[in-house]
Amino acid sequence: MAIARVVTFEGVSAERMASVGTELERAEQPEGLNATEFILLHDPDSERALAIVFFETEEDYRRGDEVLSAMPADETPGRRTSVERYEVALRVSR
């Protein structure tokens, strides 16, 4: 069963979101991340963002969590306010 790391951020301006989006589209995954999918949501009015990173196994999640938790603050969209782990119960794409 896939696992999702869901992180909320505050203080994320539209400019910062555009910058982060460009960086993520161009860059390779950090060493050891091994994520299968990444979704980044943004509410420009409240300057909040939600990042969802998917992993296939518990081991991949554990390693990915270590990599992402160690990231310097200037490499994240904004101020991290929560990090949660979810099992992916259903995923539908059309």
C-alpha atoms as a PDB file:
ATOM      1  CA  MET A   1       0.000   0.000   0.000  1.00  0.00           C
ATOM      2  CA  ALA A   2       1.326   3.453  -0.924  1.00  0.00           C
ATOM      3  CA  ILE A   3       2.073   6.022   1.767  1.00  0.00           C
ATOM      4  CA  ALA A   4       1.710   9.805   1.563  1.00  0.00           C
ATOM      5  CA  ARG A   5       3.691  12.424   3.467  1.00  0.00           C
ATOM      6  CA  VAL A   6       1.421  15.469   3.819  1.00  0.00           C
ATOM      7  CA  VAL A   7       3.027  18.743   4.869  1.00  0.00           C
ATOM      8  CA  THR A   8       1.397  22.119   5.475  1.00  0.00           C
ATOM      9  CA  PHE A   9       3.202  25.426   5.079  1.00  0.00           C
ATOM     10  CA  GLU A  10       2.351  29.027   5.992  1.00  0.00           C
ATOM     11  CA  GLY A  11       3.775  32.257   4.634  1.00  0.00           C
ATOM     12  CA  VAL A  12       3.850  31.077   1.023  1.00  0.00           C
ATOM     13  CA  SER A  13       3.506  34.011  -1.362  1.00  0.00           C
ATOM     14  CA  ALA A  14       2.451  33.614  -4.980  1.00  0.00           C
ATOM     15  CA  GLU A  15       5.981  34.608  -6.021  1.00  0.00           C
ATOM     16  CA  ARG A  16       7.543  31.978  -3.785  1.00  0.00           C
ATOM     17  CA  MET A  17       5.125  29.334  -5.086  1.00  0.00           C
ATOM     18  CA  ALA A  18       6.040  30.176  -8.685  1.00  0.00           C
ATOM     19  CA  SER A  19       9.731  29.930  -7.805  1.00  0.00           C
ATOM     20  CA  VAL A  20       9.330  26.608  -6.002  1.00  0.00           C
ATOM     21  CA  GLY A  21       7.258  25.225  -8.872  1.00  0.00           C
ATOM     22  CA  THR A  22       9.929  26.113 -11.404  1.00  0.00           C
ATOM     23  CA  GLU A  23      12.659  24.602  -9.212  1.00  0.00           C
ATOM     24  CA  LEU A  24      10.741  21.345  -8.704  1.00  0.00           C
ATOM     25  CA  GLU A  25       9.952  20.899 -12.387  1.00  0.00           C
ATOM     26  CA  ARG A  26      13.609  21.289 -13.376  1.00  0.00           C
ATOM     27  CA  ALA A  27      15.388  19.496 -10.544  1.00  0.00           C
ATOM     28  CA  GLU A  28      16.083  15.843  -9.961  1.00  0.00           C
ATOM     29  CA  GLN A  29      14.829  14.290  -6.738  1.00  0.00           C
ATOM     30  CA  PRO A  30      17.237  14.685  -3.835  1.00  0.00           C
ATOM     31  CA  GLU A  31      19.412  11.638  -3.231  1.00  0.00           C
ATOM     32  CA  GLY A  32      17.476   9.006  -1.272  1.00  0.00           C
ATOM     33  CA  LEU A  33      14.025  10.566  -1.697  1.00  0.00           C
ATOM     34  CA  ASN A  34      12.596   7.867  -4.025  1.00  0.00           C
ATOM     35  CA  ALA A  35       9.120   9.467  -4.233  1.00  0.00           C
ATOM     36  CA  THR A  36       6.707   8.283  -6.906  1.00  0.00           C
ATOM     37  CA  GLU A  37       4.567  11.426  -7.133  1.00  0.00           C
ATOM     38  CA  PHE A  38       4.465  14.968  -5.794  1.00  0.00           C
ATOM     39  CA  ILE A  39       1.467  17.302  -5.557  1.00  0.00           C
ATOM     40  CA  LEU A  40       1.721  20.906  -4.381  1.00  0.00           C
ATOM     41  CA  LEU A  41      -1.449  22.885  -3.593  1.00  0.00           C
ATOM     42  CA  HIS A  42      -1.529  26.616  -2.857  1.00  0.00           C
ATOM     43  CA  ASP A  43      -4.072  29.073  -1.438  1.00  0.00           C
ATOM     44  CA  PRO A  44      -2.683  32.490  -2.394  1.00  0.00           C
ATOM     45  CA  ASP A  45      -5.246  34.394  -0.309  1.00  0.00           C
ATOM     46  CA  SER A  46      -4.172  32.776   2.959  1.00  0.00           C
ATOM     47  CA  GLU A  47      -0.562  32.163   1.790  1.00  0.00           C
ATOM     48  CA  ARG A  48      -0.820  28.502   2.781  1.00  0.00           C
ATOM     49  CA  ALA A  49       0.414  25.470   0.856  1.00  0.00           C
ATOM     50  CA  LEU A  50      -0.022  21.716   1.102  1.00  0.00           C
ATOM     51  CA  ALA A  51       2.586  19.308  -0.233  1.00  0.00           C
ATOM     52  CA  ILE A  52       1.715  15.645  -0.767  1.00  0.00           C
ATOM     53  CA  VAL A  53       4.577  13.268  -1.519  1.00  0.00           C
ATOM     54  CA  PHE A  54       3.798   9.637  -2.372  1.00  0.00           C
ATOM     55  CA  PHE A  55       5.972   6.613  -1.615  1.00  0.00           C
ATOM     56  CA  GLU A  56       5.443   2.956  -2.564  1.00  0.00           C
ATOM     57  CA  THR A  57       6.824   1.304   0.580  1.00  0.00           C
ATOM     58  CA  GLU A  58       7.263   2.013   4.278  1.00  0.00           C
ATOM     59  CA  GLU A  59      11.048   1.931   3.808  1.00  0.00           C
ATOM     60  CA  ASP A  60      10.854   4.479   0.970  1.00  0.00           C
ATOM     61  CA  TYR A  61       8.667   6.677   3.181  1.00  0.00           C
ATOM     62  CA  ARG A  62      11.093   6.435   6.110  1.00  0.00           C
ATOM     63  CA  ARG A  63      14.083   7.371   3.962  1.00  0.00           C
ATOM     64  CA  GLY A  64      12.140  10.102   2.157  1.00  0.00           C
ATOM     65  CA  ASP A  65      10.922  11.561   5.440  1.00  0.00           C
ATOM     66  CA  GLU A  66      14.513  11.755   6.669  1.00  0.00           C
ATOM     67  CA  VAL A  67      15.626  13.518   3.473  1.00  0.00           C
ATOM     68  CA  LEU A  68      12.737  15.995   3.484  1.00  0.00           C
ATOM     69  CA  SER A  69      12.954  16.708   7.226  1.00  0.00           C
ATOM     70  CA  ALA A  70      16.635  17.588   6.813  1.00  0.00           C
ATOM     71  CA  MET A  71      15.986  20.146   4.045  1.00  0.00           C
ATOM     72  CA  PRO A  72      17.090  23.698   4.873  1.00  0.00           C
ATOM     73  CA  ALA A  73      14.197  26.129   5.401  1.00  0.00           C
ATOM     74  CA  ASP A  74      15.166  28.177   2.323  1.00  0.00           C
ATOM     75  CA  GLU A  75      14.470  25.115   0.134  1.00  0.00           C
ATOM     76  CA  THR A  76      10.875  24.694   1.356  1.00  0.00           C
ATOM     77  CA  PRO A  77       7.867  26.696   0.114  1.00  0.00           C
ATOM     78  CA  GLY A  78       7.376  28.444   3.461  1.00  0.00           C
ATOM     79  CA  ARG A  79       7.259  27.830   7.209  1.00  0.00           C
ATOM     80  CA  ARG A  80       6.463  24.152   7.853  1.00  0.00           C
ATOM     81  CA  THR A  81       3.522  23.869  10.256  1.00  0.00           C
ATOM     82  CA  SER A  82       2.752  20.141  10.213  1.00  0.00           C
ATOM     83  CA  VAL A  83       3.965  16.838   8.807  1.00  0.00           C
ATOM     84  CA  GLU A  84       1.625  13.858   8.725  1.00  0.00           C
ATOM     85  CA  ARG A  85       1.738  10.309   7.381  1.00  0.00           C
ATOM     86  CA  TYR A  86      -1.246   8.728   5.624  1.00  0.00           C
ATOM     87  CA  GLU A  87      -1.832   5.372   3.995  1.00  0.00           C
ATOM     88  CA  VAL A  88      -3.212   5.923   0.502  1.00  0.00           C
ATOM     89  CA  ALA A  89      -6.628   4.268   0.601  1.00  0.00           C
ATOM     90  CA  LEU A  90      -7.621   5.220  -2.953  1.00  0.00           C
ATOM     91  CA  ARG A  91      -6.024   7.001  -5.889  1.00  0.00           C
ATOM     92  CA  VAL A  92      -8.026   7.764  -9.048  1.00  0.00           C
ATOM     93  CA  SER A  93      -6.749   9.652 -12.093  1.00  0.00           C
ATOM     94  CA  ARG A  94      -8.815  10.357 -15.170  1.00  0.00           C
END
